[in-house]
Amino acid sequence: MASRRLALRCAARRTNGEPCGNFAMVGSRVCHAHGGRAPQVRNAARRRLAMAEVYTVLARVRAERSASEEALRPWTEELSALRWDAGLDLESPEVLARRARVMARAMEDAAKTLRSYARNMLTHHDPREEGT
């Protein structure tokens, strides 16, 4: 089932002070009558939509990873206990925590790279796509 976007209302106000009431352009905060068709607003909307897609993919990857870790937890705990009993587990909790921090840093760097890639894709778009 396809995800549905929330229909946001325009954030602008009319001259009498009442809210506009029109629906905002997709990815934007204002409607077409209040500047939603302006190039800078369209570019910002494209950036917001791309970033939302990147965050969605990252959330899915994190969820899949945690699900696989959870599914493998009984076996990893058993193997860890066997290694400990055999005297093979020489790494202290500090070493394991350091490895976890390195892995977290690597994941943050990957997320930063994905965000940068998405921004570059949006800023270097083909002007012929402007009409679509």
Protein backbone atom coordinates (compact mmCIF):
# COMPACT_ATOMS: atom_id res chain seq x y z
CA MET A 1 0.00 0.00 0.00
CA ALA A 2 1.36 3.40 -1.00
CA SER A 3 2.03 5.91 1.76
CA ARG A 4 -0.14 8.99 1.76
CA ARG A 5 1.11 12.49 2.41
CA LEU A 6 -0.67 14.75 4.82
CA ALA A 7 -2.56 17.54 3.09
CA LEU A 8 -1.10 20.69 4.62
CA ARG A 9 -2.84 24.03 4.46
CA CYS A 10 -1.11 27.16 3.23
CA ALA A 11 0.78 28.98 6.00
CA ALA A 12 0.11 32.43 4.50
CA ARG A 13 -2.57 34.88 5.63
CA ARG A 14 -4.98 36.87 3.54
CA THR A 15 -5.08 40.66 3.64
CA ASN A 16 -7.91 40.53 6.19
CA GLY A 17 -5.73 38.39 8.53
CA GLU A 18 -7.57 35.09 8.04
CA PRO A 19 -5.61 31.94 7.13
CA CYS A 20 -5.43 31.27 3.39
CA GLY A 21 -7.16 27.89 3.50
CA ASN A 22 -5.76 26.57 0.20
CA PHE A 23 -3.70 23.41 0.19
CA ALA A 24 0.04 23.95 0.14
CA MET A 25 2.08 22.75 -2.84
CA VAL A 26 3.66 19.31 -2.34
CA GLY A 27 6.79 19.69 -0.20
CA SER A 28 6.07 23.39 0.33
CA ARG A 29 4.43 25.41 3.05
CA VAL A 30 2.47 27.78 0.82
CA CYS A 31 -0.09 27.45 -1.95
CA HIS A 32 0.35 28.45 -5.59
CA ALA A 33 -1.26 31.84 -4.97
CA HIS A 34 1.18 32.74 -2.20
CA GLY A 35 4.43 31.93 -4.00
CA GLY A 36 4.37 28.13 -4.21
CA ARG A 37 5.25 28.29 -7.92
CA ALA A 38 8.37 30.41 -7.38
CA PRO A 39 11.61 28.65 -8.39
CA GLN A 40 13.21 29.02 -4.96
CA VAL A 41 10.12 27.55 -3.29
CA ARG A 42 10.05 24.63 -5.76
CA ASN A 43 13.76 23.97 -5.18
CA ALA A 44 13.30 24.04 -1.41
CA ALA A 45 10.32 21.69 -1.75
CA ARG A 46 12.40 19.29 -3.86
CA ARG A 47 15.16 19.38 -1.24
CA ARG A 48 12.68 18.71 1.57
CA LEU A 49 11.11 15.79 -0.30
CA ALA A 50 14.53 14.28 -1.11
CA MET A 51 15.64 14.61 2.50
CA ALA A 52 12.41 12.99 3.67
CA GLU A 53 13.09 10.10 1.30
CA VAL A 54 16.65 9.75 2.59
CA TYR A 55 15.42 9.72 6.19
CA THR A 56 12.79 7.11 5.28
CA VAL A 57 15.42 4.86 3.72
CA LEU A 58 17.74 5.31 6.70
CA ALA A 59 14.91 4.48 9.11
CA ARG A 60 14.11 1.35 7.10
CA VAL A 61 17.78 0.28 7.15
CA ARG A 62 18.00 0.86 10.90
CA ALA A 63 14.78 -1.09 11.49
CA GLU A 64 15.99 -4.01 9.36
CA ARG A 65 19.33 -4.04 11.14
CA SER A 66 17.78 -4.01 14.60
CA ALA A 67 15.32 -6.73 13.56
CA SER A 68 18.15 -8.94 12.31
CA GLU A 69 20.17 -8.28 15.48
CA GLU A 70 17.14 -9.19 17.58
CA ALA A 71 16.55 -12.36 15.58
CA LEU A 72 20.21 -13.41 15.98
CA ARG A 73 20.48 -12.42 19.65
CA PRO A 74 19.89 -15.92 21.12
CA TRP A 75 22.66 -17.41 18.98
CA THR A 76 25.10 -14.57 19.59
CA GLU A 77 24.53 -14.77 23.34
CA GLU A 78 25.08 -18.53 23.25
CA LEU A 79 28.25 -18.17 21.18
CA SER A 80 29.49 -15.45 23.48
CA ALA A 81 28.90 -17.67 26.50
CA LEU A 82 30.71 -20.57 24.82
CA ARG A 83 33.66 -18.32 23.94
CA TRP A 84 33.77 -17.03 27.51
CA ASP A 85 33.67 -20.55 28.95
CA ALA A 86 36.48 -21.62 26.60
CA GLY A 87 38.59 -18.60 27.57
CA LEU A 88 38.51 -17.21 24.03
CA ASP A 89 36.66 -14.01 24.80
CA LEU A 90 39.60 -11.73 25.50
CA GLU A 91 37.91 -8.43 24.63
CA SER A 92 36.78 -6.33 27.55
CA PRO A 93 33.50 -4.42 27.58
CA GLU A 94 35.51 -1.23 26.98
CA VAL A 95 36.95 -2.64 23.75
CA LEU A 96 33.50 -3.72 22.63
CA ALA A 97 32.08 -0.27 23.46
CA ARG A 98 34.90 1.35 21.46
CA ARG A 99 34.08 -0.85 18.47
CA ALA A 100 30.40 0.08 18.78
CA ARG A 101 31.31 3.80 18.78
CA VAL A 102 33.44 3.34 15.66
CA MET A 103 30.55 1.59 13.93
CA ALA A 104 28.11 4.33 14.98
CA ARG A 105 30.49 6.97 13.63
CA ALA A 106 30.73 5.10 10.34
CA MET A 107 26.92 4.98 10.09
CA GLU A 108 26.71 8.73 10.79
CA ASP A 109 29.28 9.38 8.06
CA ALA A 110 27.26 7.24 5.65
CA ALA A 111 24.11 9.19 6.50
CA LYS A 112 25.97 12.48 5.95
CA THR A 113 27.18 11.21 2.58
CA LEU A 114 23.64 10.24 1.58
CA ARG A 115 22.33 13.68 2.57
CA SER A 116 25.11 15.38 0.59
CA TYR A 117 24.39 13.18 -2.41
CA ALA A 118 20.69 14.05 -2.27
CA ARG A 119 21.47 17.78 -2.05
CA ASN A 120 23.84 17.56 -5.01
CA MET A 121 21.25 15.72 -7.07
CA LEU A 122 18.71 18.45 -6.36
CA THR A 123 20.99 21.41 -7.01
CA HIS A 124 22.27 19.99 -10.31
CA HIS A 125 18.91 19.13 -11.85
CA ASP A 126 18.08 19.35 -15.55
CA PRO A 127 16.22 22.63 -16.38
CA ARG A 128 14.10 20.75 -18.91
CA GLU A 129 12.43 18.96 -15.99
CA GLU A 130 11.12 22.29 -14.69
CA GLY A 131 7.87 22.01 -16.68
CA THR A 132 7.03 18.54 -15.38
